[in-house]
PDB file of N, CA and C in Angstrom:
ATOM      1  N   MET A   1      16.249 -24.441  20.757  1.00  0.00           N
ATOM      2  CA  MET A   1      15.435 -25.575  20.384  1.00  0.00           C
ATOM      3  C   MET A   1      16.192 -26.424  19.358  1.00  0.00           C
ATOM      4  N   ARG A   2      16.161 -27.711  19.556  1.00  0.00           N
ATOM      5  CA  ARG A   2      16.876 -28.625  18.684  1.00  0.00           C
ATOM      6  C   ARG A   2      15.976 -29.094  17.556  1.00  0.00           C
ATOM      7  N   SER A   3      16.462 -29.026  16.329  1.00  0.00           N
ATOM      8  CA  SER A   3      15.662 -29.529  15.215  1.00  0.00           C
ATOM      9  C   SER A   3      15.865 -31.033  15.088  1.00  0.00           C
ATOM     10  N   ARG A   4      14.870 -31.689  14.591  1.00  0.00           N
ATOM     11  CA  ARG A   4      14.892 -33.137  14.498  1.00  0.00           C
ATOM     12  C   ARG A   4      15.076 -33.552  13.041  1.00  0.00           C
ATOM     13  N   ASN A   5      16.053 -34.399  12.797  1.00  0.00           N
ATOM     14  CA  ASN A   5      16.284 -34.902  11.444  1.00  0.00           C
ATOM     15  C   ASN A   5      15.500 -36.184  11.250  1.00  0.00           C
ATOM     16  N   ARG A   6      14.774 -36.274  10.175  1.00  0.00           N
ATOM     17  CA  ARG A   6      14.032 -37.484   9.857  1.00  0.00           C
ATOM     18  C   ARG A   6      14.947 -38.438   9.106  1.00  0.00           C
ATOM     19  N   THR A   7      14.785 -39.701   9.392  1.00  0.00           N
ATOM     20  CA  THR A   7      15.564 -40.728   8.723  1.00  0.00           C
ATOM     21  C   THR A   7      14.912 -41.043   7.384  1.00  0.00           C
ATOM     22  N   SER A   8      15.710 -41.159   6.340  1.00  0.00           N
ATOM     23  CA  SER A   8      15.149 -41.432   5.013  1.00  0.00           C
ATOM     24  C   SER A   8      14.558 -42.834   4.962  1.00  0.00           C
ATOM     25  N   SER A   9      13.599 -43.004   4.072  1.00  0.00           N
ATOM     26  CA  SER A   9      12.940 -44.305   3.942  1.00  0.00           C
ATOM     27  C   SER A   9      13.907 -45.381   3.445  1.00  0.00           C
ATOM     28  N   GLN A  10      14.931 -44.999   2.691  1.00  0.00           N
ATOM     29  CA  GLN A  10      15.922 -45.972   2.226  1.00  0.00           C
ATOM     30  C   GLN A  10      16.713 -46.544   3.401  1.00  0.00           C
ATOM     31  N   ILE A  11      17.077 -45.700   4.342  1.00  0.00           N
ATOM     32  CA  ILE A  11      17.826 -46.165   5.507  1.00  0.00           C
ATOM     33  C   ILE A  11      16.940 -47.026   6.390  1.00  0.00           C
ATOM     34  N   ILE A  12      15.680 -46.629   6.564  1.00  0.00           N
ATOM     35  CA  ILE A  12      14.746 -47.444   7.345  1.00  0.00           C
ATOM     36  C   ILE A  12      14.563 -48.803   6.692  1.00  0.00           C
ATOM     37  N   GLY A  13      14.370 -48.817   5.387  1.00  0.00           N
ATOM     38  CA  GLY A  13      14.207 -50.078   4.663  1.00  0.00           C
ATOM     39  C   GLY A  13      15.429 -50.965   4.786  1.00  0.00           C
ATOM     40  N   TYR A  14      16.606 -50.382   4.659  1.00  0.00           N
ATOM     41  CA  TYR A  14      17.834 -51.162   4.779  1.00  0.00           C
ATOM     42  C   TYR A  14      18.009 -51.678   6.211  1.00  0.00           C
ATOM     43  N   GLY A  15      17.661 -50.849   7.185  1.00  0.00           N
ATOM     44  CA  GLY A  15      17.744 -51.278   8.583  1.00  0.00           C
ATOM     45  C   GLY A  15      16.812 -52.444   8.877  1.00  0.00           C
ATOM     46  N   LEU A  16      15.580 -52.367   8.381  1.00  0.00           N
ATOM     47  CA  LEU A  16      14.643 -53.471   8.584  1.00  0.00           C
ATOM     48  C   LEU A  16      15.101 -54.723   7.847  1.00  0.00           C
ATOM     49  N   TYR A  17      15.671 -54.534   6.667  1.00  0.00           N
ATOM     50  CA  TYR A  17      16.218 -55.667   5.911  1.00  0.00           C
ATOM     51  C   TYR A  17      17.321 -56.364   6.719  1.00  0.00           C
ATOM     52  N   LEU A  18      18.229 -55.592   7.281  1.00  0.00           N
ATOM     53  CA  LEU A  18      19.302 -56.176   8.091  1.00  0.00           C
ATOM     54  C   LEU A  18      18.746 -56.892   9.317  1.00  0.00           C
ATOM     55  N   TYR A  19      17.755 -56.291   9.967  1.00  0.00           N
ATOM     56  CA  TYR A  19      17.164 -56.931  11.145  1.00  0.00           C
ATOM     57  C   TYR A  19      16.483 -58.241  10.766  1.00  0.00           C
ATOM     58  N   LEU A  20      15.791 -58.270   9.634  1.00  0.00           N
ATOM     59  CA  LEU A  20      15.100 -59.486   9.212  1.00  0.00           C
ATOM     60  C   LEU A  20      16.053 -60.561   8.713  1.00  0.00           C
ATOM     61  N   LEU A  21      17.314 -60.213   8.538  1.00  0.00           N
ATOM     62  CA  LEU A  21      18.341 -61.214   8.224  1.00  0.00           C
ATOM     63  C   LEU A  21      18.910 -61.840   9.491  1.00  0.00           C
ATOM     64  N   ASP A  22      18.218 -61.679  10.600  1.00  0.00           N
ATOM     65  CA  ASP A  22      18.559 -62.256  11.900  1.00  0.00           C
ATOM     66  C   ASP A  22      19.663 -61.529  12.651  1.00  0.00           C
ATOM     67  N   LEU A  23      19.858 -60.254  12.375  1.00  0.00           N
ATOM     68  CA  LEU A  23      20.739 -59.455  13.226  1.00  0.00           C
ATOM     69  C   LEU A  23      19.911 -58.961  14.412  1.00  0.00           C
ATOM     70  N   SER A  24      20.550 -58.740  15.523  1.00  0.00           N
ATOM     71  CA  SER A  24      19.847 -58.162  16.672  1.00  0.00           C
ATOM     72  C   SER A  24      19.627 -56.673  16.419  1.00  0.00           C
ATOM     73  N   PHE A  25      18.809 -56.038  17.263  1.00  0.00           N
ATOM     74  CA  PHE A  25      18.582 -54.598  17.109  1.00  0.00           C
ATOM     75  C   PHE A  25      19.893 -53.843  17.248  1.00  0.00           C
ATOM     76  N   ARG A  26      20.713 -54.226  18.223  1.00  0.00           N
ATOM     77  CA  ARG A  26      21.991 -53.535  18.441  1.00  0.00           C
ATOM     78  C   ARG A  26      22.957 -53.767  17.284  1.00  0.00           C
ATOM     79  N   ASN A  27      23.041 -55.008  16.792  1.00  0.00           N
ATOM     80  CA  ASN A  27      23.942 -55.291  15.671  1.00  0.00           C
ATOM     81  C   ASN A  27      23.466 -54.613  14.387  1.00  0.00           C
ATOM     82  N   THR A  28      22.159 -54.483  14.218  1.00  0.00           N
ATOM     83  CA  THR A  28      21.632 -53.754  13.061  1.00  0.00           C
ATOM     84  C   THR A  28      22.038 -52.284  13.136  1.00  0.00           C
ATOM     85  N   ALA A  29      21.932 -51.690  14.325  1.00  0.00           N
ATOM     86  CA  ALA A  29      22.338 -50.291  14.500  1.00  0.00           C
ATOM     87  C   ALA A  29      23.834 -50.127  14.224  1.00  0.00           C
ATOM     88  N   LYS A  30      24.637 -51.077  14.686  1.00  0.00           N
ATOM     89  CA  LYS A  30      26.080 -51.016  14.424  1.00  0.00           C
ATOM     90  C   LYS A  30      26.374 -51.143  12.934  1.00  0.00           C
ATOM     91  N   ALA A  31      25.658 -52.059  12.253  1.00  0.00           N
ATOM     92  CA  ALA A  31      25.872 -52.251  10.814  1.00  0.00           C
ATOM     93  C   ALA A  31      25.498 -50.993  10.038  1.00  0.00           C
ATOM     94  N   LEU A  32      24.395 -50.362  10.415  1.00  0.00           N
ATOM     95  CA  LEU A  32      24.004 -49.123   9.733  1.00  0.00           C
ATOM     96  C   LEU A  32      25.040 -48.024   9.940  1.00  0.00           C
ATOM     97  N   SER A  33      25.570 -47.909  11.143  1.00  0.00           N
ATOM     98  CA  SER A  33      26.571 -46.869  11.390  1.00  0.00           C
ATOM     99  C   SER A  33      27.873 -47.175  10.662  1.00  0.00           C
ATOM    100  N   PHE A  34      28.196 -48.461  10.517  1.00  0.00           N
ATOM    101  CA  PHE A  34      29.427 -48.841   9.832  1.00  0.00           C
ATOM    102  C   PHE A  34      29.279 -48.730   8.312  1.00  0.00           C
ATOM    103  N   LEU A  35      28.176 -49.255   7.768  1.00  0.00           N
ATOM    104  CA  LEU A  35      28.007 -49.306   6.317  1.00  0.00           C
ATOM    105  C   LEU A  35      27.565 -47.977   5.714  1.00  0.00           C
ATOM    106  N   LEU A  36      26.651 -47.291   6.381  1.00  0.00           N
ATOM    107  CA  LEU A  36      26.072 -46.078   5.808  1.00  0.00           C
ATOM    108  C   LEU A  36      26.504 -44.802   6.508  1.00  0.00           C
ATOM    109  N   LEU A  37      27.303 -44.928   7.558  1.00  0.00           N
ATOM    110  CA  LEU A  37      27.745 -43.788   8.354  1.00  0.00           C
ATOM    111  C   LEU A  37      26.563 -42.980   8.900  1.00  0.00           C
ATOM    112  N   VAL A  38      25.504 -43.697   9.292  1.00  0.00           N
ATOM    113  CA  VAL A  38      24.313 -43.091   9.882  1.00  0.00           C
ATOM    114  C   VAL A  38      24.189 -43.641  11.284  1.00  0.00           C
ATOM    115  N   LYS A  39      24.167 -42.776  12.257  1.00  0.00           N
ATOM    116  CA  LYS A  39      24.077 -43.217  13.640  1.00  0.00           C
ATOM    117  C   LYS A  39      22.611 -43.265  14.065  1.00  0.00           C
ATOM    118  N   VAL A  40      22.138 -44.485  14.358  1.00  0.00           N
ATOM    119  CA  VAL A  40      20.788 -44.689  14.874  1.00  0.00           C
ATOM    120  C   VAL A  40      20.888 -45.608  16.089  1.00  0.00           C
ATOM    121  N   SER A  41      19.919 -45.496  16.960  1.00  0.00           N
ATOM    122  CA  SER A  41      19.927 -46.351  18.146  1.00  0.00           C
ATOM    123  C   SER A  41      19.168 -47.644  17.870  1.00  0.00           C
ATOM    124  N   HIS A  42      19.416 -48.632  18.707  1.00  0.00           N
ATOM    125  CA  HIS A  42      18.696 -49.894  18.560  1.00  0.00           C
ATOM    126  C   HIS A  42      17.210 -49.704  18.852  1.00  0.00           C
ATOM    127  N   VAL A  43      16.877 -48.716  19.663  1.00  0.00           N
ATOM    128  CA  VAL A  43      15.473 -48.418  19.962  1.00  0.00           C
ATOM    129  C   VAL A  43      14.774 -47.861  18.717  1.00  0.00           C
ATOM    130  N   SER A  44      15.476 -47.075  17.935  1.00  0.00           N
ATOM    131  CA  SER A  44      14.902 -46.557  16.686  1.00  0.00           C
ATOM    132  C   SER A  44      14.548 -47.695  15.747  1.00  0.00           C
ATOM    133  N   ILE A  45      15.402 -48.691  15.660  1.00  0.00           N
ATOM    134  CA  ILE A  45      15.137 -49.835  14.790  1.00  0.00           C
ATOM    135  C   ILE A  45      13.931 -50.610  15.296  1.00  0.00           C
ATOM    136  N   TRP A  46      13.805 -50.760  16.614  1.00  0.00           N
ATOM    137  CA  TRP A  46      12.637 -51.421  17.190  1.00  0.00           C
ATOM    138  C   TRP A  46      11.375 -50.631  16.840  1.00  0.00           C
ATOM    139  N   ASN A  47      11.446 -49.300  16.949  1.00  0.00           N
ATOM    140  CA  ASN A  47      10.295 -48.458  16.603  1.00  0.00           C
ATOM    141  C   ASN A  47       9.922 -48.585  15.127  1.00  0.00           C
ATOM    142  N   TRP A  48      10.920 -48.655  14.243  1.00  0.00           N
ATOM    143  CA  TRP A  48      10.646 -48.847  12.823  1.00  0.00           C
ATOM    144  C   TRP A  48       9.917 -50.166  12.592  1.00  0.00           C
ATOM    145  N   LEU A  49      10.368 -51.198  13.276  1.00  0.00           N
ATOM    146  CA  LEU A  49       9.739 -52.513  13.114  1.00  0.00           C
ATOM    147  C   LEU A  49       8.277 -52.472  13.566  1.00  0.00           C
ATOM    148  N   GLN A  50       7.997 -51.752  14.639  1.00  0.00           N
ATOM    149  CA  GLN A  50       6.615 -51.641  15.106  1.00  0.00           C
ATOM    150  C   GLN A  50       5.759 -50.838  14.130  1.00  0.00           C
ATOM    151  N   LYS A  51       6.342 -49.818  13.533  1.00  0.00           N
ATOM    152  CA  LYS A  51       5.588 -48.950  12.622  1.00  0.00           C
ATOM    153  C   LYS A  51       5.403 -49.573  11.245  1.00  0.00           C
ATOM    154  N   TYR A  52       6.442 -50.207  10.714  1.00  0.00           N
ATOM    155  CA  TYR A  52       6.418 -50.720   9.347  1.00  0.00           C
ATOM    156  C   TYR A  52       6.423 -52.245   9.301  1.00  0.00           C
ATOM    157  N   ARG A  53       5.912 -52.894  10.334  1.00  0.00           N
ATOM    158  CA  ARG A  53       5.982 -54.362  10.385  1.00  0.00           C
ATOM    159  C   ARG A  53       5.385 -54.965   9.116  1.00  0.00           C
ATOM    160  N   PRO A  54       6.134 -55.848   8.472  1.00  0.00           N
ATOM    161  CA  PRO A  54       5.710 -56.372   7.171  1.00  0.00           C
ATOM    162  C   PRO A  54       4.509 -57.304   7.255  1.00  0.00           C
ATOM    163  N   TRP A  55       4.154 -57.769   8.423  1.00  0.00           N
ATOM    164  CA  TRP A  55       3.053 -58.730   8.544  1.00  0.00           C
ATOM    165  C   TRP A  55       1.741 -58.071   8.950  1.00  0.00           C
ATOM    166  N   LYS A  56       1.683 -56.742   9.055  1.00  0.00           N
ATOM    167  CA  LYS A  56       0.491 -56.081   9.602  1.00  0.00           C
ATOM    168  C   LYS A  56      -0.751 -56.289   8.736  1.00  0.00           C
ATOM    169  N   HIS A  57      -0.627 -56.356   7.415  1.00  0.00           N
ATOM    170  CA  HIS A  57      -1.794 -56.554   6.560  1.00  0.00           C
ATOM    171  C   HIS A  57      -2.213 -58.015   6.481  1.00  0.00           C
ATOM    172  N   LEU A  58      -1.324 -58.909   6.807  1.00  0.00           N
ATOM    173  CA  LEU A  58      -1.619 -60.337   6.685  1.00  0.00           C
ATOM    174  C   LEU A  58      -2.101 -60.956   7.985  1.00  0.00           C
ATOM    175  N   LYS A  59      -2.114 -60.177   9.052  1.00  0.00           N
ATOM    176  CA  LYS A  59      -2.512 -60.714  10.343  1.00  0.00           C
ATOM    177  C   LYS A  59      -3.981 -61.140  10.299  1.00  0.00           C
ATOM    178  N   ASN A  60      -4.243 -62.346  10.735  1.00  0.00           N
ATOM    179  CA  ASN A  60      -5.592 -62.927  10.782  1.00  0.00           C
ATOM    180  C   ASN A  60      -6.248 -63.037   9.410  1.00  0.00           C
ATOM    181  N   LYS A  61      -5.479 -63.060   8.354  1.00  0.00           N
ATOM    182  CA  LYS A  61      -6.028 -63.243   7.016  1.00  0.00           C
ATOM    183  C   LYS A  61      -5.488 -64.539   6.437  1.00  0.00           C
ATOM    184  N   LYS A  62      -6.339 -65.234   5.746  1.00  0.00           N
ATOM    185  CA  LYS A  62      -5.946 -66.477   5.110  1.00  0.00           C
ATOM    186  C   LYS A  62      -5.292 -66.151   3.766  1.00  0.00           C
ATOM    187  N   ILE A  63      -4.131 -66.674   3.543  1.00  0.00           N
ATOM    188  CA  ILE A  63      -3.429 -66.459   2.280  1.00  0.00           C
ATOM    189  C   ILE A  63      -3.927 -67.503   1.297  1.00  0.00           C
ATOM    190  N   GLN A  64      -4.554 -67.046   0.231  1.00  0.00           N
ATOM    191  CA  GLN A  64      -5.113 -67.962  -0.752  1.00  0.00           C
ATOM    192  C   GLN A  64      -4.210 -68.132  -1.965  1.00  0.00           C
ATOM    193  N   GLU A  65      -3.311 -67.206  -2.165  1.00  0.00           N
ATOM    194  CA  GLU A  65      -2.471 -67.232  -3.345  1.00  0.00           C
ATOM    195  C   GLU A  65      -1.130 -66.583  -3.011  1.00  0.00           C
ATOM    196  N   TYR A  66      -0.058 -67.098  -3.576  1.00  0.00           N
ATOM    197  CA  TYR A  66       1.246 -66.491  -3.376  1.00  0.00           C
ATOM    198  C   TYR A  66       2.116 -66.743  -4.596  1.00  0.00           C
ATOM    199  N   ILE A  67       3.136 -65.928  -4.721  1.00  0.00           N
ATOM    200  CA  ILE A  67       4.072 -66.018  -5.837  1.00  0.00           C
ATOM    201  C   ILE A  67       5.456 -66.216  -5.250  1.00  0.00           C
ATOM    202  N   ILE A  68       6.212 -67.163  -5.819  1.00  0.00           N
ATOM    203  CA  ILE A  68       7.602 -67.384  -5.397  1.00  0.00           C
ATOM    204  C   ILE A  68       8.508 -67.064  -6.575  1.00  0.00           C
ATOM    205  N   ASP A  69       9.551 -66.305  -6.301  1.00  0.00           N
ATOM    206  CA  ASP A  69      10.507 -65.943  -7.340  1.00  0.00           C
ATOM    207  C   ASP A  69      11.910 -66.067  -6.765  1.00  0.00           C
ATOM    208  N   GLU A  70      12.876 -66.271  -7.639  1.00  0.00           N
ATOM    209  CA  GLU A  70      14.262 -66.349  -7.188  1.00  0.00           C
ATOM    210  C   GLU A  70      15.135 -65.503  -8.094  1.00  0.00           C
ATOM    211  N   THR A  71      16.247 -65.077  -7.536  1.00  0.00           N
ATOM    212  CA  THR A  71      17.229 -64.334  -8.310  1.00  0.00           C
ATOM    213  C   THR A  71      18.617 -64.671  -7.775  1.00  0.00           C
ATOM    214  N   VAL A  72      19.602 -64.542  -8.610  1.00  0.00           N
ATOM    215  CA  VAL A  72      20.975 -64.808  -8.193  1.00  0.00           C
ATOM    216  C   VAL A  72      21.667 -63.482  -7.921  1.00  0.00           C
ATOM    217  N   ILE A  73      22.438 -63.459  -6.843  1.00  0.00           N
ATOM    218  CA  ILE A  73      23.190 -62.274  -6.448  1.00  0.00           C
ATOM    219  C   ILE A  73      24.665 -62.665  -6.442  1.00  0.00           C
ATOM    220  N   LYS A  74      25.495 -61.862  -7.071  1.00  0.00           N
ATOM    221  CA  LYS A  74      26.932 -62.112  -7.078  1.00  0.00           C
ATOM    222  C   LYS A  74      27.561 -61.419  -5.889  1.00  0.00           C
ATOM    223  N   ALA A  75      28.273 -62.184  -5.072  1.00  0.00           N
ATOM    224  CA  ALA A  75      29.019 -61.642  -3.935  1.00  0.00           C
ATOM    225  C   ALA A  75      30.479 -62.023  -4.161  1.00  0.00           C
ATOM    226  N   GLY A  76      31.202 -61.139  -4.803  1.00  0.00           N
ATOM    227  CA  GLY A  76      32.571 -61.464  -5.189  1.00  0.00           C
ATOM    228  C   GLY A  76      32.537 -62.513  -6.295  1.00  0.00           C
ATOM    229  N   ALA A  77      33.193 -63.648  -6.064  1.00  0.00           N
ATOM    230  CA  ALA A  77      33.185 -64.737  -7.037  1.00  0.00           C
ATOM    231  C   ALA A  77      32.089 -65.746  -6.739  1.00  0.00           C
ATOM    232  N   GLU A  78      31.359 -65.529  -5.672  1.00  0.00           N
ATOM    233  CA  GLU A  78      30.345 -66.485  -5.225  1.00  0.00           C
ATOM    234  C   GLU A  78      28.947 -66.066  -5.687  1.00  0.00           C
ATOM    235  N   SER A  79      28.127 -67.055  -6.041  1.00  0.00           N
ATOM    236  CA  SER A  79      26.733 -66.809  -6.397  1.00  0.00           C
ATOM    237  C   SER A  79      25.843 -67.194  -5.225  1.00  0.00           C
ATOM    238  N   ILE A  80      24.925 -66.309  -4.873  1.00  0.00           N
ATOM    239  CA  ILE A  80      23.998 -66.551  -3.775  1.00  0.00           C
ATOM    240  C   ILE A  80      22.588 -66.399  -4.335  1.00  0.00           C
ATOM    241  N   TRP A  81      21.712 -67.341  -4.001  1.00  0.00           N
ATOM    242  CA  TRP A  81      20.339 -67.314  -4.487  1.00  0.00           C
ATOM    243  C   TRP A  81      19.422 -66.721  -3.439  1.00  0.00           C
ATOM    244  N   LEU A  82      18.588 -65.781  -3.859  1.00  0.00           N
ATOM    245  CA  LEU A  82      17.583 -65.168  -2.993  1.00  0.00           C
ATOM    246  C   LEU A  82      16.213 -65.611  -3.477  1.00  0.00           C
ATOM    247  N   TRP A  83      15.459 -66.268  -2.599  1.00  0.00           N
ATOM    248  CA  TRP A  83      14.101 -66.724  -2.881  1.00  0.00           C
ATOM    249  C   TRP A  83      13.150 -65.845  -2.091  1.00  0.00           C
ATOM    250  N   ILE A  84      12.045 -65.453  -2.714  1.00  0.00           N
ATOM    251  CA  ILE A  84      11.083 -64.590  -2.032  1.00  0.00           C
ATOM    252  C   ILE A  84       9.664 -65.060  -2.341  1.00  0.00           C
ATOM    253  N   ALA A  85       8.817 -65.043  -1.319  1.00  0.00           N
ATOM    254  CA  ALA A  85       7.399 -65.382  -1.473  1.00  0.00           C
ATOM    255  C   ALA A  85       6.595 -64.109  -1.228  1.00  0.00           C
ATOM    256  N   ILE A  86       5.706 -63.774  -2.167  1.00  0.00           N
ATOM    257  CA  ILE A  86       4.930 -62.541  -2.105  1.00  0.00           C
ATOM    258  C   ILE A  86       3.437 -62.865  -2.176  1.00  0.00           C
ATOM    259  N   GLU A  87       2.655 -62.197  -1.354  1.00  0.00           N
ATOM    260  CA  GLU A  87       1.200 -62.298  -1.403  1.00  0.00           C
ATOM    261  C   GLU A  87       0.750 -61.212  -2.369  1.00  0.00           C
ATOM    262  N   PRO A  88       0.167 -61.572  -3.542  1.00  0.00           N
ATOM    263  CA  PRO A  88      -0.041 -60.594  -4.611  1.00  0.00           C
ATOM    264  C   PRO A  88      -1.166 -59.582  -4.382  1.00  0.00           C
ATOM    265  N   ILE A  89      -2.163 -59.893  -3.573  1.00  0.00           N
ATOM    266  CA  ILE A  89      -3.285 -58.966  -3.395  1.00  0.00           C
ATOM    267  C   ILE A  89      -2.842 -57.718  -2.626  1.00  0.00           C
ATOM    268  N   HIS A  90      -2.168 -57.923  -1.487  1.00  0.00           N
ATOM    269  CA  HIS A  90      -1.692 -56.794  -0.677  1.00  0.00           C
ATOM    270  C   HIS A  90      -0.245 -56.418  -0.991  1.00  0.00           C
ATOM    271  N   LYS A  91       0.379 -57.183  -1.880  1.00  0.00           N
ATOM    272  CA  LYS A  91       1.767 -56.958  -2.291  1.00  0.00           C
ATOM    273  C   LYS A  91       2.700 -56.956  -1.082  1.00  0.00           C
ATOM    274  N   GLU A  92       2.525 -57.963  -0.234  1.00  0.00           N
ATOM    275  CA  GLU A  92       3.319 -58.092   0.982  1.00  0.00           C
ATOM    276  C   GLU A  92       4.296 -59.254   0.845  1.00  0.00           C
ATOM    277  N   ILE A  93       5.485 -59.080   1.393  1.00  0.00           N
ATOM    278  CA  ILE A  93       6.461 -60.158   1.433  1.00  0.00           C
ATOM    279  C   ILE A  93       6.067 -61.111   2.553  1.00  0.00           C
ATOM    280  N   ILE A  94       5.872 -62.372   2.211  1.00  0.00           N
ATOM    281  CA  ILE A  94       5.518 -63.380   3.202  1.00  0.00           C
ATOM    282  C   ILE A  94       6.776 -63.955   3.825  1.00  0.00           C
ATOM    283  N   SER A  95       7.752 -64.273   2.981  1.00  0.00           N
ATOM    284  CA  SER A  95       8.979 -64.894   3.466  1.00  0.00           C
ATOM    285  C   SER A  95      10.078 -64.720   2.432  1.00  0.00           C
ATOM    286  N   PHE A  96      11.308 -64.891   2.878  1.00  0.00           N
ATOM    287  CA  PHE A  96      12.428 -64.954   1.945  1.00  0.00           C
ATOM    288  C   PHE A  96      13.452 -65.943   2.476  1.00  0.00           C
ATOM    289  N   TYR A  97      14.287 -66.443   1.581  1.00  0.00           N
ATOM    290  CA  TYR A  97      15.250 -67.475   1.923  1.00  0.00           C
ATOM    291  C   TYR A  97      16.504 -67.243   1.084  1.00  0.00           C
ATOM    292  N   ILE A  98      17.663 -67.401   1.684  1.00  0.00           N
ATOM    293  CA  ILE A  98      18.931 -67.218   0.989  1.00  0.00           C
ATOM    294  C   ILE A  98      19.683 -68.542   1.019  1.00  0.00           C
ATOM    295  N   SER A  99      20.208 -68.970  -0.146  1.00  0.00           N
ATOM    296  CA  SER A  99      20.949 -70.232  -0.211  1.00  0.00           C
ATOM    297  C   SER A  99      22.125 -70.081  -1.178  1.00  0.00           C
ATOM    298  N   LYS A 100      23.086 -70.965  -1.007  1.00  0.00           N
ATOM    299  CA  LYS A 100      24.260 -70.946  -1.887  1.00  0.00           C
ATOM    300  C   LYS A 100      24.058 -71.825  -3.106  1.00  0.00           C
ATOM    301  N   LYS A 101      22.984 -72.604  -3.130  1.00  0.00           N
ATOM    302  CA  LYS A 101      22.656 -73.462  -4.279  1.00  0.00           C
ATOM    303  C   LYS A 101      21.295 -73.070  -4.821  1.00  0.00           C
ATOM    304  N   ARG A 102      21.019 -73.457  -6.034  1.00  0.00           N
ATOM    305  CA  ARG A 102      19.717 -73.140  -6.628  1.00  0.00           C
ATOM    306  C   ARG A 102      18.682 -74.190  -6.229  1.00  0.00           C
ATOM    307  N   GLU A 103      18.655 -74.496  -4.970  1.00  0.00           N
ATOM    308  CA  GLU A 103      17.702 -75.428  -4.399  1.00  0.00           C
ATOM    309  C   GLU A 103      17.144 -74.797  -3.139  1.00  0.00           C
ATOM    310  N   ILE A 104      15.860 -74.980  -2.905  1.00  0.00           N
ATOM    311  CA  ILE A 104      15.233 -74.411  -1.733  1.00  0.00           C
ATOM    312  C   ILE A 104      14.728 -75.551  -0.850  1.00  0.00           C
ATOM    313  N   TYR A 105      15.101 -75.498   0.401  1.00  0.00           N
ATOM    314  CA  TYR A 105      14.675 -76.503   1.376  1.00  0.00           C
ATOM    315  C   TYR A 105      13.923 -75.793   2.478  1.00  0.00           C
ATOM    316  N   LEU A 106      12.634 -75.968   2.519  1.00  0.00           N
ATOM    317  CA  LEU A 106      11.832 -75.327   3.571  1.00  0.00           C
ATOM    318  C   LEU A 106      11.278 -76.334   4.524  1.00  0.00           C
TER     319      LEU A 106
END
């Protein structure tokens, strides 16, 4: 009988993060195997998205309040700005945006 290894929540979170950055399921699986040396299939990433979909609590609910925050990330000599919108009641991420300038264009 083969034992089954569970994937850690950190790897699942990182995989979903990569997918939400507009990588395909297959490219996300390749990135995880390259960056973290963890072999997962593209189907596993699809299953994670179905199980942990970030919009499940906000479906059919009217958002009455949100918080926007930004932070700067250093990538080598370059500064990259990460903008995030959060719904504070359910503590859900509504959206995020990455830019090379401290200006947001939506």
